[in-house]
């Protein structure tokens, strides 16, 4: 069996275990729409460009998007997501699952188990926006859902959730989450320095699309939208 065919076989077998998701591209993409019809949950698989007959690998990704957030031009509609291992934090930064030879069934079974254990509960949480936001606010910002190990992924997921809270729960809740995130971060003095430096600038000169360091765009967005820093 050719590498692509082997991948498709694995994807279709995985898809058969998630019938609430609509499978497209021979199982490569699995999508589910929330009860509100606004939020989309997507599981996708990326084959390794270096696959060959003796080694066939693919990675697993998960993404949550909102049509309303995208329409409002907030974070391009992105709510949460990333590569599977960076989300569930089991000590790896990124993982290619090997399905060549004898590895096929064990990898497929493991992926099914991981998605059922970690990703489906996240989907369930995001079905109820109000309850989910309260749940996030009642935890530490860095462990709002699951803590990814790599610092970039931590900040990216924190940023996604900040925009999600701002859009769906308003400025007061976003301010609560924003200050929780700042107070828990090692770079809190840097964030505070940036925020206060923005007070001296004309608002039209502040570009949220330019991020001088990780998290700078959140600080700029917060300042421009009247979210106060403690």
C-alpha atoms as a PDB file:
ATOM      1  CA  UNK A   1       0.000   0.000   0.000  1.00  0.00           C
ATOM      2  CA  UNK A   2       1.331   3.457  -0.909  1.00  0.00           C
ATOM      3  CA  UNK A   3       2.042   5.921   1.959  1.00  0.00           C
ATOM      4  CA  UNK A   4      -0.911   8.143   1.062  1.00  0.00           C
ATOM      5  CA  UNK A   5      -3.266   5.175   0.882  1.00  0.00           C
ATOM      6  CA  UNK A   6      -2.020   3.925   4.256  1.00  0.00           C
ATOM      7  CA  UNK A   7      -2.649   7.359   5.786  1.00  0.00           C
ATOM      8  CA  UNK A   8      -6.145   7.479   4.325  1.00  0.00           C
ATOM      9  CA  UNK A   9      -6.864   4.018   5.687  1.00  0.00           C
ATOM     10  CA  UNK A  10      -5.805   5.145   9.175  1.00  0.00           C
ATOM     11  CA  UNK A  11      -7.775   8.403   8.958  1.00  0.00           C
ATOM     12  CA  UNK A  12     -10.939   6.626   7.868  1.00  0.00           C
ATOM     13  CA  UNK A  13     -10.586   4.110  10.690  1.00  0.00           C
ATOM     14  CA  UNK A  14     -10.183   6.942  13.198  1.00  0.00           C
ATOM     15  CA  UNK A  15     -13.146   8.813  11.688  1.00  0.00           C
ATOM     16  CA  UNK A  16     -15.364   5.771  12.165  1.00  0.00           C
ATOM     17  CA  UNK A  17     -15.003   6.286  15.917  1.00  0.00           C
ATOM     18  CA  UNK A  18     -16.204   9.896  15.825  1.00  0.00           C
ATOM     19  CA  UNK A  19     -19.528   9.788  14.040  1.00  0.00           C
ATOM     20  CA  UNK A  20     -20.582  13.186  15.431  1.00  0.00           C
ATOM     21  CA  UNK A  21     -17.910  14.672  13.171  1.00  0.00           C
ATOM     22  CA  UNK A  22     -18.355  14.937   9.424  1.00  0.00           C
ATOM     23  CA  UNK A  23     -15.404  13.378   7.597  1.00  0.00           C
ATOM     24  CA  UNK A  24     -14.043  14.925   4.401  1.00  0.00           C
ATOM     25  CA  UNK A  25     -10.961  14.331   2.213  1.00  0.00           C
ATOM     26  CA  UNK A  26     -11.100  10.597   2.952  1.00  0.00           C
ATOM     27  CA  UNK A  27     -11.065  11.183   6.685  1.00  0.00           C
ATOM     28  CA  UNK A  28      -8.260  13.745   6.719  1.00  0.00           C
ATOM     29  CA  UNK A  29     -10.571  16.409   8.151  1.00  0.00           C
ATOM     30  CA  UNK A  30     -13.238  15.824  10.789  1.00  0.00           C
ATOM     31  CA  UNK A  31     -15.629  18.691  11.520  1.00  0.00           C
ATOM     32  CA  UNK A  32     -18.411  19.184  14.000  1.00  0.00           C
ATOM     33  CA  UNK A  33     -20.638  22.249  14.411  1.00  0.00           C
ATOM     34  CA  UNK A  34     -21.809  23.319  17.856  1.00  0.00           C
ATOM     35  CA  UNK A  35     -25.473  23.328  18.817  1.00  0.00           C
ATOM     36  CA  UNK A  36     -25.428  27.122  18.481  1.00  0.00           C
ATOM     37  CA  UNK A  37     -24.266  26.725  14.850  1.00  0.00           C
ATOM     38  CA  UNK A  38     -21.524  29.283  15.512  1.00  0.00           C
ATOM     39  CA  UNK A  39     -18.549  27.269  16.743  1.00  0.00           C
ATOM     40  CA  UNK A  40     -16.759  24.669  14.622  1.00  0.00           C
ATOM     41  CA  UNK A  41     -14.582  21.918  16.071  1.00  0.00           C
ATOM     42  CA  UNK A  42     -12.057  20.460  13.653  1.00  0.00           C
ATOM     43  CA  UNK A  43      -9.704  17.494  13.946  1.00  0.00           C
ATOM     44  CA  UNK A  44      -7.253  17.209  11.066  1.00  0.00           C
ATOM     45  CA  UNK A  45      -4.335  15.021  10.070  1.00  0.00           C
ATOM     46  CA  UNK A  46      -1.140  16.151   8.344  1.00  0.00           C
ATOM     47  CA  UNK A  47       0.945  13.571   6.527  1.00  0.00           C
ATOM     48  CA  UNK A  48       4.728  13.857   6.688  1.00  0.00           C
ATOM     49  CA  UNK A  49       6.211  15.098   3.415  1.00  0.00           C
ATOM     50  CA  UNK A  50       9.079  12.602   3.786  1.00  0.00           C
ATOM     51  CA  UNK A  51       6.881   9.501   3.983  1.00  0.00           C
ATOM     52  CA  UNK A  52       8.155   6.468   2.086  1.00  0.00           C
ATOM     53  CA  UNK A  53       7.389   2.763   1.972  1.00  0.00           C
ATOM     54  CA  UNK A  54       9.175   1.888   5.235  1.00  0.00           C
ATOM     55  CA  UNK A  55       8.107   4.885   7.288  1.00  0.00           C
ATOM     56  CA  UNK A  56       4.680   6.524   7.101  1.00  0.00           C
ATOM     57  CA  UNK A  57       3.839   9.222   9.649  1.00  0.00           C
ATOM     58  CA  UNK A  58       1.257  11.906  10.276  1.00  0.00           C
ATOM     59  CA  UNK A  59       0.473  14.467  12.967  1.00  0.00           C
ATOM     60  CA  UNK A  60      -2.861  15.322  14.590  1.00  0.00           C
ATOM     61  CA  UNK A  61      -4.260  18.839  14.953  1.00  0.00           C
ATOM     62  CA  UNK A  62      -7.301  20.343  16.661  1.00  0.00           C
ATOM     63  CA  UNK A  63      -8.931  23.730  16.122  1.00  0.00           C
ATOM     64  CA  UNK A  64     -11.944  25.626  17.449  1.00  0.00           C
ATOM     65  CA  UNK A  65     -13.299  28.583  15.455  1.00  0.00           C
ATOM     66  CA  UNK A  66     -16.210  30.992  15.724  1.00  0.00           C
ATOM     67  CA  UNK A  67     -18.054  32.433  12.736  1.00  0.00           C
ATOM     68  CA  UNK A  68     -19.242  35.395  14.788  1.00  0.00           C
ATOM     69  CA  UNK A  69     -15.742  36.222  16.021  1.00  0.00           C
ATOM     70  CA  UNK A  70     -14.408  36.049  12.484  1.00  0.00           C
ATOM     71  CA  UNK A  71     -17.190  38.310  11.228  1.00  0.00           C
ATOM     72  CA  UNK A  72     -16.315  40.789  13.995  1.00  0.00           C
ATOM     73  CA  UNK A  73     -12.652  40.609  12.901  1.00  0.00           C
ATOM     74  CA  UNK A  74     -11.456  39.319  16.256  1.00  0.00           C
ATOM     75  CA  UNK A  75      -8.470  36.967  16.120  1.00  0.00           C
ATOM     76  CA  UNK A  76      -9.671  35.714  12.722  1.00  0.00           C
ATOM     77  CA  UNK A  77     -12.306  33.678  14.536  1.00  0.00           C
ATOM     78  CA  UNK A  78      -9.753  31.469  16.279  1.00  0.00           C
ATOM     79  CA  UNK A  79     -10.721  30.337  19.776  1.00  0.00           C
ATOM     80  CA  UNK A  80      -8.408  27.464  20.654  1.00  0.00           C
ATOM     81  CA  UNK A  81      -6.207  24.832  19.075  1.00  0.00           C
ATOM     82  CA  UNK A  82      -2.876  23.432  18.021  1.00  0.00           C
ATOM     83  CA  UNK A  83      -1.046  20.180  17.460  1.00  0.00           C
ATOM     84  CA  UNK A  84      -2.351  17.370  19.663  1.00  0.00           C
ATOM     85  CA  UNK A  85       0.770  16.841  21.774  1.00  0.00           C
ATOM     86  CA  UNK A  86       1.198  20.570  22.448  1.00  0.00           C
ATOM     87  CA  UNK A  87      -2.361  20.679  23.754  1.00  0.00           C
ATOM     88  CA  UNK A  88      -2.320  17.658  26.043  1.00  0.00           C
ATOM     89  CA  UNK A  89       1.231  18.211  27.397  1.00  0.00           C
ATOM     90  CA  UNK A  90       2.658  14.721  27.823  1.00  0.00           C
ATOM     91  CA  UNK A  91       6.268  15.879  27.606  1.00  0.00           C
ATOM     92  CA  UNK A  92       6.535  16.242  23.841  1.00  0.00           C
ATOM     93  CA  UNK A  93       6.562  19.451  21.813  1.00  0.00           C
ATOM     94  CA  UNK A  94       5.321  17.843  18.584  1.00  0.00           C
ATOM     95  CA  UNK A  95       4.680  14.310  17.460  1.00  0.00           C
ATOM     96  CA  UNK A  96       4.524  12.334  14.253  1.00  0.00           C
ATOM     97  CA  UNK A  97       2.560   9.106  14.672  1.00  0.00           C
ATOM     98  CA  UNK A  98       4.196   6.179  12.864  1.00  0.00           C
ATOM     99  CA  UNK A  99       1.781   3.842  11.062  1.00  0.00           C
ATOM    100  CA  UNK A 100       4.245   1.937   8.881  1.00  0.00           C
ATOM    101  CA  UNK A 101       4.427  -1.842   9.339  1.00  0.00           C
ATOM    102  CA  UNK A 102       3.548  -3.224  12.759  1.00  0.00           C
ATOM    103  CA  UNK A 103       3.028   0.289  14.188  1.00  0.00           C
ATOM    104  CA  UNK A 104      -0.207   0.849  12.283  1.00  0.00           C
ATOM    105  CA  UNK A 105      -2.844  -0.510  14.642  1.00  0.00           C
ATOM    106  CA  UNK A 106      -1.217   0.586  17.889  1.00  0.00           C
ATOM    107  CA  UNK A 107      -0.860   4.180  16.609  1.00  0.00           C
ATOM    108  CA  UNK A 108      -4.428   4.299  15.307  1.00  0.00           C
ATOM    109  CA  UNK A 109      -5.747   2.952  18.611  1.00  0.00           C
ATOM    110  CA  UNK A 110      -3.654   5.458  20.579  1.00  0.00           C
ATOM    111  CA  UNK A 111      -4.900   8.413  18.538  1.00  0.00           C
ATOM    112  CA  UNK A 112      -8.516   7.336  19.020  1.00  0.00           C
ATOM    113  CA  UNK A 113      -7.935   7.030  22.762  1.00  0.00           C
ATOM    114  CA  UNK A 114      -6.215  10.439  23.028  1.00  0.00           C
ATOM    115  CA  UNK A 115      -8.935  12.205  21.072  1.00  0.00           C
ATOM    116  CA  UNK A 116     -11.647  10.602  23.191  1.00  0.00           C
ATOM    117  CA  UNK A 117      -9.855  11.354  26.457  1.00  0.00           C
ATOM    118  CA  UNK A 118      -8.640  14.903  25.824  1.00  0.00           C
ATOM    119  CA  UNK A 119     -10.320  16.501  22.822  1.00  0.00           C
ATOM    120  CA  UNK A 120     -13.952  15.433  23.151  1.00  0.00           C
ATOM    121  CA  UNK A 121     -14.214  16.902  26.696  1.00  0.00           C
ATOM    122  CA  UNK A 122     -12.897  20.219  25.343  1.00  0.00           C
ATOM    123  CA  UNK A 123     -15.594  20.145  22.665  1.00  0.00           C
ATOM    124  CA  UNK A 124     -18.195  19.483  25.358  1.00  0.00           C
ATOM    125  CA  UNK A 125     -16.942  22.429  27.439  1.00  0.00           C
ATOM    126  CA  UNK A 126     -17.165  24.844  24.512  1.00  0.00           C
ATOM    127  CA  UNK A 127     -20.768  23.862  23.825  1.00  0.00           C
ATOM    128  CA  UNK A 128     -21.830  25.966  26.824  1.00  0.00           C
ATOM    129  CA  UNK A 129     -20.114  29.336  26.470  1.00  0.00           C
ATOM    130  CA  UNK A 130     -21.214  30.924  29.757  1.00  0.00           C
ATOM    131  CA  UNK A 131     -20.322  27.917  31.912  1.00  0.00           C
ATOM    132  CA  UNK A 132     -17.061  27.370  30.036  1.00  0.00           C
ATOM    133  CA  UNK A 133     -15.885  30.962  30.540  1.00  0.00           C
ATOM    134  CA  UNK A 134     -16.615  30.785  34.262  1.00  0.00           C
ATOM    135  CA  UNK A 135     -14.658  27.541  34.400  1.00  0.00           C
ATOM    136  CA  UNK A 136     -11.695  29.199  32.651  1.00  0.00           C
ATOM    137  CA  UNK A 137     -11.811  32.244  34.938  1.00  0.00           C
ATOM    138  CA  UNK A 138     -11.847  30.070  38.056  1.00  0.00           C
ATOM    139  CA  UNK A 139      -8.556  28.429  37.104  1.00  0.00           C
ATOM    140  CA  UNK A 140      -5.065  29.780  36.690  1.00  0.00           C
ATOM    141  CA  UNK A 141      -4.637  31.342  33.254  1.00  0.00           C
ATOM    142  CA  UNK A 142      -1.806  28.986  32.392  1.00  0.00           C
ATOM    143  CA  UNK A 143      -3.969  25.972  33.141  1.00  0.00           C
ATOM    144  CA  UNK A 144      -7.294  27.260  31.801  1.00  0.00           C
ATOM    145  CA  UNK A 145      -7.889  24.076  29.850  1.00  0.00           C
ATOM    146  CA  UNK A 146      -4.731  22.016  29.372  1.00  0.00           C
ATOM    147  CA  UNK A 147      -1.170  23.265  29.801  1.00  0.00           C
ATOM    148  CA  UNK A 148       1.033  22.913  26.722  1.00  0.00           C
ATOM    149  CA  UNK A 149       4.691  22.525  27.588  1.00  0.00           C
ATOM    150  CA  UNK A 150       6.302  24.842  25.051  1.00  0.00           C
ATOM    151  CA  UNK A 151       6.122  28.507  26.102  1.00  0.00           C
ATOM    152  CA  UNK A 152       5.032  29.705  22.641  1.00  0.00           C
ATOM    153  CA  UNK A 153       2.063  27.364  22.686  1.00  0.00           C
ATOM    154  CA  UNK A 154       1.116  28.428  26.210  1.00  0.00           C
ATOM    155  CA  UNK A 155       0.994  32.070  25.225  1.00  0.00           C
ATOM    156  CA  UNK A 156      -0.803  31.355  21.971  1.00  0.00           C
ATOM    157  CA  UNK A 157      -3.579  29.419  23.716  1.00  0.00           C
ATOM    158  CA  UNK A 158      -3.827  32.053  26.447  1.00  0.00           C
ATOM    159  CA  UNK A 159      -4.185  34.702  23.734  1.00  0.00           C
ATOM    160  CA  UNK A 160      -6.886  32.727  21.938  1.00  0.00           C
ATOM    161  CA  UNK A 161      -8.879  32.385  25.159  1.00  0.00           C
ATOM    162  CA  UNK A 162      -8.504  36.083  25.973  1.00  0.00           C
ATOM    163  CA  UNK A 163     -10.165  37.051  22.687  1.00  0.00           C
ATOM    164  CA  UNK A 164     -12.828  34.372  23.202  1.00  0.00           C
ATOM    165  CA  UNK A 165     -13.694  35.722  26.645  1.00  0.00           C
ATOM    166  CA  UNK A 166     -13.686  39.320  25.415  1.00  0.00           C
ATOM    167  CA  UNK A 167     -16.059  38.576  22.560  1.00  0.00           C
ATOM    168  CA  UNK A 168     -18.509  36.295  24.338  1.00  0.00           C
ATOM    169  CA  UNK A 169     -18.424  37.637  27.921  1.00  0.00           C
ATOM    170  CA  UNK A 170     -17.470  41.297  27.539  1.00  0.00           C
ATOM    171  CA  UNK A 171     -14.835  43.672  28.786  1.00  0.00           C
ATOM    172  CA  UNK A 172     -15.207  43.006  32.516  1.00  0.00           C
ATOM    173  CA  UNK A 173     -14.585  39.253  32.228  1.00  0.00           C
ATOM    174  CA  UNK A 174     -11.785  39.817  29.704  1.00  0.00           C
ATOM    175  CA  UNK A 175     -10.157  42.251  32.120  1.00  0.00           C
ATOM    176  CA  UNK A 176     -10.336  39.646  34.872  1.00  0.00           C
ATOM    177  CA  UNK A 177      -8.644  37.044  32.649  1.00  0.00           C
ATOM    178  CA  UNK A 178      -6.114  39.564  31.299  1.00  0.00           C
ATOM    179  CA  UNK A 179      -4.895  40.560  34.752  1.00  0.00           C
ATOM    180  CA  UNK A 180      -4.825  36.943  35.906  1.00  0.00           C
ATOM    181  CA  UNK A 181      -2.599  36.086  32.931  1.00  0.00           C
ATOM    182  CA  UNK A 182      -0.311  39.089  33.537  1.00  0.00           C
ATOM    183  CA  UNK A 183       0.101  38.435  37.267  1.00  0.00           C
ATOM    184  CA  UNK A 184       1.020  34.768  36.700  1.00  0.00           C
ATOM    185  CA  UNK A 185       3.532  35.356  33.906  1.00  0.00           C
ATOM    186  CA  UNK A 186       7.284  35.699  34.384  1.00  0.00           C
ATOM    187  CA  UNK A 187       7.262  38.626  31.947  1.00  0.00           C
ATOM    188  CA  UNK A 188       4.658  40.587  33.931  1.00  0.00           C
ATOM    189  CA  UNK A 189       6.956  43.600  34.394  1.00  0.00           C
ATOM    190  CA  UNK A 190       7.559  43.678  30.635  1.00  0.00           C
ATOM    191  CA  UNK A 191       3.825  43.560  29.910  1.00  0.00           C
ATOM    192  CA  UNK A 192       3.129  46.298  32.417  1.00  0.00           C
ATOM    193  CA  UNK A 193       5.927  48.419  30.985  1.00  0.00           C
ATOM    194  CA  UNK A 194       4.477  48.064  27.491  1.00  0.00           C
ATOM    195  CA  UNK A 195       0.943  48.853  28.656  1.00  0.00           C
ATOM    196  CA  UNK A 196       2.001  52.056  30.396  1.00  0.00           C
ATOM    197  CA  UNK A 197       4.170  53.087  27.447  1.00  0.00           C
ATOM    198  CA  UNK A 198       1.089  52.862  25.222  1.00  0.00           C
ATOM    199  CA  UNK A 199      -0.610  55.506  27.356  1.00  0.00           C
ATOM    200  CA  UNK A 200       1.886  58.032  25.977  1.00  0.00           C
ATOM    201  CA  UNK A 201       1.140  57.214  22.331  1.00  0.00           C
ATOM    202  CA  UNK A 202      -1.670  58.280  20.003  1.00  0.00           C
ATOM    203  CA  UNK A 203      -4.020  55.295  19.690  1.00  0.00           C
ATOM    204  CA  UNK A 204      -3.924  55.441  15.900  1.00  0.00           C
ATOM    205  CA  UNK A 205      -0.181  54.709  15.987  1.00  0.00           C
ATOM    206  CA  UNK A 206      -0.597  51.427  17.900  1.00  0.00           C
ATOM    207  CA  UNK A 207      -0.559  48.373  15.652  1.00  0.00           C
ATOM    208  CA  UNK A 208      -1.910  45.166  17.224  1.00  0.00           C
ATOM    209  CA  UNK A 209      -0.611  43.203  14.244  1.00  0.00           C
ATOM    210  CA  UNK A 210       2.965  43.907  15.305  1.00  0.00           C
ATOM    211  CA  UNK A 211       4.093  41.899  18.315  1.00  0.00           C
ATOM    212  CA  UNK A 212       7.484  42.974  19.655  1.00  0.00           C
ATOM    213  CA  UNK A 213       7.529  39.948  21.974  1.00  0.00           C
ATOM    214  CA  UNK A 214       5.216  37.075  22.889  1.00  0.00           C
ATOM    215  CA  UNK A 215       1.979  38.464  24.266  1.00  0.00           C
ATOM    216  CA  UNK A 216       2.564  42.084  23.206  1.00  0.00           C
ATOM    217  CA  UNK A 217      -0.418  41.947  20.850  1.00  0.00           C
ATOM    218  CA  UNK A 218      -2.715  40.999  23.745  1.00  0.00           C
ATOM    219  CA  UNK A 219      -1.515  43.993  25.744  1.00  0.00           C
ATOM    220  CA  UNK A 220      -2.103  46.333  22.798  1.00  0.00           C
ATOM    221  CA  UNK A 221      -5.568  44.931  22.133  1.00  0.00           C
ATOM    222  CA  UNK A 222      -6.448  45.269  25.818  1.00  0.00           C
ATOM    223  CA  UNK A 223      -5.304  48.884  25.976  1.00  0.00           C
ATOM    224  CA  UNK A 224      -7.097  49.901  22.781  1.00  0.00           C
ATOM    225  CA  UNK A 225     -10.337  48.323  23.998  1.00  0.00           C
ATOM    226  CA  UNK A 226     -10.355  49.944  27.403  1.00  0.00           C
ATOM    227  CA  UNK A 227      -9.298  46.891  29.387  1.00  0.00           C
ATOM    228  CA  UNK A 228      -7.435  48.155  32.426  1.00  0.00           C
ATOM    229  CA  UNK A 229      -4.296  46.625  33.890  1.00  0.00           C
ATOM    230  CA  UNK A 230      -4.102  46.251  37.680  1.00  0.00           C
END
